[in-house]
Amino acid sequence: MSTEDSFARVRVAVVQAAPVLFDRDASVEKACRLTAEAAARSAQLILFPEAFIPAYPRGLGFGTVVGDRTPEGRRTWERYWANAVEVPGPATDALGEAARGAGAYLAIGVVERDAQFSGGTLYCTLVYFGPDGRLLGKHRKLKPTAAERLIWGEGDGSTLTAIRTPFGTVGGLICWENYMPLARMAMYAKGVSIYLAPTADARERWIATMRHIALEGRCYVLGCNQFVTRAMYPPDLPGVADLHSQPEVLCRGGSVVVSPLGDVLAGPLWDEEGILLTDLDMAKVARAKFDFDVVGHYARPDVFQLIVNERPQPPATFE
């Protein structure tokens, strides 16, 4: 057996699409359909964007200004909350069945409704499923960005999830978490070789961030975004008038796959829905670390050390 034969090869699918906005059940159905479509094209790892179920509510203000909230904004929140996903729950059961039917690993962004305590908090969460349909884990976004903090809570270190697979360790961060150097370092230290970066950032310069992470982590990077237009929003959504001042194309996409040496392998995909399919040669991860390994021979633990608190931080503990 040659050296290259000892490394796995894997086909990945990056799904650039919009959900059926603010409709959890219809969004789950669309995700299942697109998962089957990717599997029919031999995908073994399938990634969906940030907050795919039920929506990334781009352009909505939820009736909030500093010091005041409106009754209409509370109704917008109510609709969003009612279509959020409990993990585990019926929606994740359906997604797990889709992963099992596809025989593939599936990672998908959901807006998670906390079911452990009051149920009143939503989180931006990345959920992982195995090819046998099992729910393997989740990652809650550590720091929602800007106005996202009006609608999402903060995750803690207990969900810095990395999944070991036959073709390497899979894990990642959501959107602007990827600008947090220490969060990236934590994922590199977990040995992530396929780094998932679901996002809502459709700027062209986001591609530079994806390439930087690939070079820094010497890993494959899968950047995944939605393509969304104003017309996709339900016309009866409270607060939908907020979108009147927005452009027709609210999110251009920009999904991309990058090699461990920073080369763009697929995409970026702009201004349409689609699936990027790419075959990854995992031997290239090892080759890339020959001259740079951020948590190995290029580290200086005698000077710099990162301490990661992975203990859950519940608001109440009952003994």
Protein backbone atom coordinates (compact mmCIF):
# COMPACT_ATOMS: atom_id res chain seq x y z
CA MET A 1 0.00 0.00 0.00
CA SER A 2 1.37 3.41 -0.93
CA THR A 3 1.39 6.33 1.47
CA GLU A 4 -1.45 8.01 -0.42
CA ASP A 5 -3.58 4.86 -0.25
CA SER A 6 -3.46 5.02 3.56
CA PHE A 7 -5.42 8.30 3.54
CA ALA A 8 -9.13 8.53 2.93
CA ARG A 9 -10.85 10.43 0.18
CA VAL A 10 -14.28 11.93 0.76
CA ARG A 11 -16.86 13.71 -1.36
CA VAL A 12 -18.38 16.73 0.35
CA ALA A 13 -21.46 18.74 -0.56
CA VAL A 14 -21.97 22.38 0.40
CA VAL A 15 -25.64 23.26 0.00
CA GLN A 16 -26.33 26.90 -0.84
CA ALA A 17 -30.07 27.39 -0.48
CA ALA A 18 -32.73 29.25 1.46
CA PRO A 19 -35.23 27.59 3.74
CA VAL A 20 -38.96 28.09 3.49
CA LEU A 21 -38.58 31.10 5.73
CA PHE A 22 -40.28 31.02 9.12
CA ASP A 23 -41.75 27.58 8.39
CA ARG A 24 -39.91 24.88 10.34
CA ASP A 25 -41.70 21.85 8.90
CA ALA A 26 -41.42 22.97 5.29
CA SER A 27 -37.75 23.89 5.85
CA VAL A 28 -37.07 20.42 7.26
CA GLU A 29 -38.72 18.88 4.20
CA LYS A 30 -36.55 21.00 1.90
CA ALA A 31 -33.41 20.06 3.84
CA CYS A 32 -34.29 16.38 3.58
CA ARG A 33 -34.91 16.70 -0.17
CA LEU A 34 -31.60 18.50 -0.76
CA THR A 35 -29.79 15.94 1.42
CA ALA A 36 -31.13 13.15 -0.79
CA GLU A 37 -30.11 15.13 -3.88
CA ALA A 38 -26.55 15.52 -2.59
CA ALA A 39 -26.40 11.83 -1.65
CA ALA A 40 -27.53 10.87 -5.15
CA ARG A 41 -24.38 12.62 -6.32
CA SER A 42 -22.29 10.48 -3.93
CA ALA A 43 -21.78 13.03 -1.15
CA GLN A 44 -20.50 11.55 2.11
CA LEU A 45 -20.53 14.80 4.14
CA ILE A 46 -23.27 17.37 3.58
CA LEU A 47 -23.25 20.91 5.00
CA PHE A 48 -26.14 23.40 5.16
CA PRO A 49 -25.91 27.11 6.07
CA GLU A 50 -26.25 28.92 9.38
CA ALA A 51 -29.81 29.13 10.75
CA PHE A 52 -31.25 27.17 7.83
CA ILE A 53 -34.22 26.08 9.93
CA PRO A 54 -36.37 28.14 10.12
CA ALA A 55 -34.55 31.32 8.94
CA TYR A 56 -31.74 33.76 9.32
CA PRO A 57 -34.04 36.80 9.78
CA ARG A 58 -31.96 39.21 7.74
CA GLY A 59 -33.38 42.71 7.51
CA LEU A 60 -35.86 42.38 10.38
CA GLY A 61 -35.69 44.67 13.40
CA PHE A 62 -38.07 42.81 15.72
CA GLY A 63 -39.51 46.19 16.69
CA THR A 64 -36.52 46.98 18.87
CA VAL A 65 -34.68 50.22 19.55
CA VAL A 66 -32.61 51.03 22.61
CA GLY A 67 -35.04 51.29 25.49
CA ASP A 68 -38.20 50.04 23.73
CA ARG A 69 -39.86 47.02 22.06
CA THR A 70 -43.05 47.12 20.01
CA PRO A 71 -46.03 44.73 20.17
CA GLU A 72 -45.48 43.89 16.48
CA GLY A 73 -41.84 43.01 17.19
CA ARG A 74 -42.99 40.62 19.90
CA ARG A 75 -45.27 38.94 17.35
CA THR A 76 -42.32 38.58 14.96
CA TRP A 77 -40.42 36.91 17.79
CA GLU A 78 -43.40 34.68 18.58
CA ARG A 79 -43.48 33.40 14.98
CA TYR A 80 -39.73 32.81 15.01
CA TRP A 81 -39.87 31.05 18.39
CA ALA A 82 -42.78 28.85 17.34
CA ASN A 83 -40.85 27.58 14.31
CA ALA A 84 -37.56 26.98 16.14
CA VAL A 85 -36.10 23.50 16.63
CA GLU A 86 -35.78 21.51 19.83
CA VAL A 87 -32.65 19.34 19.96
CA PRO A 88 -33.51 16.50 20.13
CA GLY A 89 -37.07 16.62 18.86
CA PRO A 90 -39.27 15.79 15.88
CA ALA A 91 -37.31 18.00 13.48
CA THR A 92 -33.98 16.40 14.37
CA ASP A 93 -35.61 12.97 14.12
CA ALA A 94 -36.57 13.78 10.53
CA LEU A 95 -33.12 15.16 9.72
CA GLY A 96 -31.49 12.08 11.23
CA GLU A 97 -33.66 9.89 9.06
CA ALA A 98 -32.57 11.90 6.02
CA ALA A 99 -28.91 11.38 6.98
CA ARG A 100 -29.54 7.66 7.41
CA GLY A 101 -31.26 7.47 4.04
CA ALA A 102 -28.34 9.31 2.47
CA GLY A 103 -25.75 7.19 4.27
CA ALA A 104 -23.86 10.44 4.87
CA TYR A 105 -22.74 12.74 7.66
CA LEU A 106 -24.99 15.79 7.83
CA ALA A 107 -24.34 19.16 9.49
CA ILE A 108 -27.07 21.79 9.40
CA GLY A 109 -27.67 25.16 11.01
CA VAL A 110 -30.85 25.48 13.07
CA VAL A 111 -32.36 28.03 15.39
CA GLU A 112 -32.57 25.95 18.55
CA ARG A 113 -35.23 26.49 21.20
CA ASP A 114 -33.88 25.64 24.62
CA ALA A 115 -36.02 22.84 26.05
CA GLN A 116 -34.05 22.26 29.25
CA PHE A 117 -35.15 25.29 31.23
CA SER A 118 -37.81 27.89 30.38
CA GLY A 119 -37.79 27.35 26.62
CA GLY A 120 -37.65 31.10 26.23
CA THR A 121 -34.17 31.38 24.72
CA LEU A 122 -33.13 30.66 21.14
CA TYR A 123 -29.63 29.67 20.05
CA CYS A 124 -27.90 29.65 16.69
CA THR A 125 -26.83 26.02 16.55
CA LEU A 126 -25.00 23.65 14.22
CA VAL A 127 -26.34 20.09 14.54
CA TYR A 128 -24.43 16.97 13.47
CA PHE A 129 -25.85 13.61 12.34
CA GLY A 130 -24.10 10.36 11.47
CA PRO A 131 -24.73 8.17 8.41
CA ASP A 132 -26.70 5.84 10.68
CA GLY A 133 -29.06 8.71 11.49
CA ARG A 134 -27.83 9.28 15.05
CA LEU A 135 -27.66 12.79 16.47
CA LEU A 136 -23.91 13.07 17.12
CA GLY A 137 -23.71 16.49 18.72
CA LYS A 138 -24.32 20.20 18.38
CA HIS A 139 -22.49 23.49 18.60
CA ARG A 140 -24.17 26.63 19.93
CA LYS A 141 -22.77 29.89 18.61
CA LEU A 142 -20.64 31.41 21.37
CA LYS A 143 -21.18 35.05 20.51
CA PRO A 144 -24.07 36.26 18.36
CA THR A 145 -23.06 39.25 16.26
CA ALA A 146 -24.49 42.76 16.60
CA ALA A 147 -28.33 42.70 16.42
CA GLU A 148 -28.30 38.88 16.53
CA ARG A 149 -27.93 39.37 20.29
CA LEU A 150 -31.56 40.55 20.38
CA ILE A 151 -32.78 37.12 19.30
CA TRP A 152 -30.13 34.53 20.22
CA GLY A 153 -28.47 33.56 23.47
CA GLU A 154 -24.79 32.69 23.90
CA GLY A 155 -23.56 29.12 23.88
CA ASP A 156 -20.89 27.85 26.27
CA GLY A 157 -17.78 25.77 25.90
CA SER A 158 -19.61 22.48 26.38
CA THR A 159 -20.64 22.46 22.71
CA LEU A 160 -17.26 22.97 21.05
CA THR A 161 -18.05 19.80 19.15
CA ALA A 162 -15.67 17.83 16.93
CA ILE A 163 -16.80 14.59 15.30
CA ARG A 164 -14.39 11.78 14.48
CA THR A 165 -15.18 10.14 11.15
CA PRO A 166 -13.43 7.51 9.00
CA PHE A 167 -12.04 10.32 6.84
CA GLY A 168 -10.94 12.74 9.57
CA THR A 169 -12.20 14.96 12.36
CA VAL A 170 -15.05 17.30 11.42
CA GLY A 171 -15.95 20.44 13.36
CA GLY A 172 -16.15 24.17 13.03
CA LEU A 173 -17.57 27.53 14.03
CA ILE A 174 -20.52 29.64 12.90
CA CYS A 175 -20.13 32.89 10.95
CA TRP A 176 -18.21 35.58 12.87
CA GLU A 177 -17.10 33.12 15.54
CA ASN A 178 -14.48 32.46 12.87
CA TYR A 179 -13.01 35.90 13.62
CA MET A 180 -12.35 34.79 17.23
CA PRO A 181 -8.69 33.64 17.24
CA LEU A 182 -9.00 31.64 20.46
CA ALA A 183 -12.12 29.85 19.24
CA ARG A 184 -10.30 28.86 16.06
CA MET A 185 -7.33 27.67 18.13
CA ALA A 186 -9.64 25.47 20.20
CA MET A 187 -10.95 23.78 17.05
CA TYR A 188 -7.45 23.29 15.66
CA ALA A 189 -6.44 21.70 18.97
CA LYS A 190 -9.29 19.22 18.56
CA GLY A 191 -7.61 18.03 15.38
CA VAL A 192 -10.21 19.27 12.92
CA SER A 193 -9.17 18.37 9.38
CA ILE A 194 -12.48 19.33 7.73
CA TYR A 195 -13.50 22.69 9.13
CA LEU A 196 -17.15 23.71 8.70
CA ALA A 197 -18.00 27.40 8.51
CA PRO A 198 -21.74 27.93 7.95
CA THR A 199 -22.38 31.64 7.74
CA ALA A 200 -24.66 34.54 6.85
CA ASP A 201 -21.76 36.72 5.63
CA ALA A 202 -22.11 37.30 1.88
CA ARG A 203 -19.27 39.79 1.47
CA GLU A 204 -16.65 38.92 -1.10
CA ARG A 205 -13.93 39.53 1.51
CA TRP A 206 -15.39 36.66 3.59
CA ILE A 207 -13.68 34.36 1.09
CA ALA A 208 -10.34 35.69 2.34
CA THR A 209 -11.33 34.58 5.86
CA MET A 210 -12.06 31.08 4.60
CA ARG A 211 -8.69 30.93 2.86
CA HIS A 212 -6.91 32.26 5.94
CA ILE A 213 -8.47 29.60 8.18
CA ALA A 214 -7.46 26.87 5.73
CA LEU A 215 -3.87 28.11 5.75
CA GLU A 216 -3.77 28.68 9.50
CA GLY A 217 -5.37 25.37 10.44
CA ARG A 218 -3.91 23.39 7.51
CA CYS A 219 -7.38 21.93 7.01
CA TYR A 220 -10.07 21.83 4.39
CA VAL A 221 -12.62 24.61 4.92
CA LEU A 222 -16.25 24.40 3.82
CA GLY A 223 -17.92 27.80 3.79
CA CYS A 224 -21.69 27.62 3.38
CA ASN A 225 -24.21 30.45 3.00
CA GLN A 226 -27.80 30.97 1.88
CA PHE A 227 -29.13 32.64 -1.25
CA VAL A 228 -32.13 34.71 -0.12
CA THR A 229 -34.42 37.28 -1.72
CA ARG A 230 -37.09 39.55 -0.24
CA ALA A 231 -39.79 37.64 -2.10
CA MET A 232 -38.99 34.52 -0.07
CA TYR A 233 -40.35 36.08 3.14
CA PRO A 234 -43.97 35.25 4.02
CA PRO A 235 -46.13 38.30 3.27
CA ASP A 236 -48.12 37.84 6.50
CA LEU A 237 -45.03 37.91 8.73
CA PRO A 238 -45.31 40.60 11.42
CA GLY A 239 -42.63 43.19 10.77
CA VAL A 240 -42.10 42.24 7.11
CA ALA A 241 -42.44 45.92 6.21
CA ASP A 242 -38.89 46.31 7.59
CA LEU A 243 -37.70 44.81 4.31
CA HIS A 244 -39.11 47.57 2.09
CA SER A 245 -35.86 49.49 2.26
CA GLN A 246 -33.74 46.40 1.60
CA PRO A 247 -32.47 45.25 -1.82
CA GLU A 248 -34.32 42.44 -3.59
CA VAL A 249 -31.35 40.08 -3.15
CA LEU A 250 -30.76 40.01 0.60
CA CYS A 251 -27.97 37.42 0.61
CA ARG A 252 -25.89 36.57 -2.47
CA GLY A 253 -24.36 33.39 -1.06
CA GLY A 254 -20.65 32.93 -1.67
CA SER A 255 -20.31 29.31 -0.57
CA VAL A 256 -16.83 27.93 -1.14
CA VAL A 257 -14.51 24.97 -0.53
CA VAL A 258 -10.83 25.67 0.22
CA SER A 259 -7.82 23.34 0.38
CA PRO A 260 -5.35 23.09 3.30
CA LEU A 261 -2.96 25.33 1.36
CA GLY A 262 -5.59 27.99 0.76
CA ASP A 263 -6.55 27.15 -2.82
CA VAL A 264 -10.21 27.55 -3.78
CA LEU A 265 -11.45 24.15 -4.95
CA ALA A 266 -15.11 24.97 -5.59
CA GLY A 267 -17.04 28.22 -5.78
CA PRO A 268 -17.52 30.83 -4.65
CA LEU A 269 -21.13 30.43 -5.75
CA TRP A 270 -23.01 33.71 -6.11
CA ASP A 271 -26.61 34.77 -6.79
CA GLU A 272 -28.27 31.37 -7.05
CA GLU A 273 -29.08 28.23 -5.15
CA GLY A 274 -26.87 25.23 -5.82
CA ILE A 275 -24.75 22.42 -4.41
CA LEU A 276 -20.96 22.54 -4.52
CA LEU A 277 -19.53 19.02 -4.76
CA THR A 278 -15.83 18.42 -4.17
CA ASP A 279 -13.64 15.36 -3.63
CA LEU A 280 -11.17 15.86 -0.78
CA ASP A 281 -7.87 13.97 -0.62
CA MET A 282 -7.13 13.83 3.09
CA ALA A 283 -3.45 13.12 2.42
CA LYS A 284 -3.14 16.81 1.56
CA VAL A 285 -3.85 17.72 5.19
CA ALA A 286 -0.73 15.83 6.28
CA ARG A 287 1.36 17.33 3.47
CA ALA A 288 0.24 20.84 4.38
CA LYS A 289 1.44 20.42 7.98
CA PHE A 290 4.99 19.68 6.85
CA ASP A 291 5.99 23.31 7.31
CA PHE A 292 3.24 24.67 9.59
CA ASP A 293 1.23 23.06 12.39
CA VAL A 294 -0.38 25.68 14.61
CA VAL A 295 -0.91 23.23 17.49
CA GLY A 296 2.25 21.21 16.87
CA HIS A 297 5.74 22.11 15.72
CA TYR A 298 4.79 25.74 15.04
CA ALA A 299 3.30 26.26 18.51
CA ARG A 300 5.12 27.83 21.48
CA PRO A 301 3.35 26.46 24.57
CA ASP A 302 6.19 27.73 26.73
CA VAL A 303 5.07 31.25 25.79
CA PHE A 304 1.38 30.93 24.89
CA GLN A 305 -1.24 28.56 26.31
CA LEU A 306 -4.98 28.42 25.76
CA ILE A 307 -7.28 27.14 28.52
CA VAL A 308 -10.73 26.11 27.26
CA ASN A 309 -13.59 25.69 29.73
CA GLU A 310 -15.82 22.93 28.34
CA ARG A 311 -18.02 22.62 31.41
CA PRO A 312 -21.72 23.39 30.89
CA GLN A 313 -22.83 26.65 32.50
CA PRO A 314 -26.46 26.08 33.53
CA PRO A 315 -28.41 28.92 35.17
CA ALA A 316 -29.52 26.57 37.93
CA THR A 317 -28.24 23.30 39.41
CA PHE A 318 -30.53 21.04 41.42
CA GLU A 319 -28.83 18.62 43.80
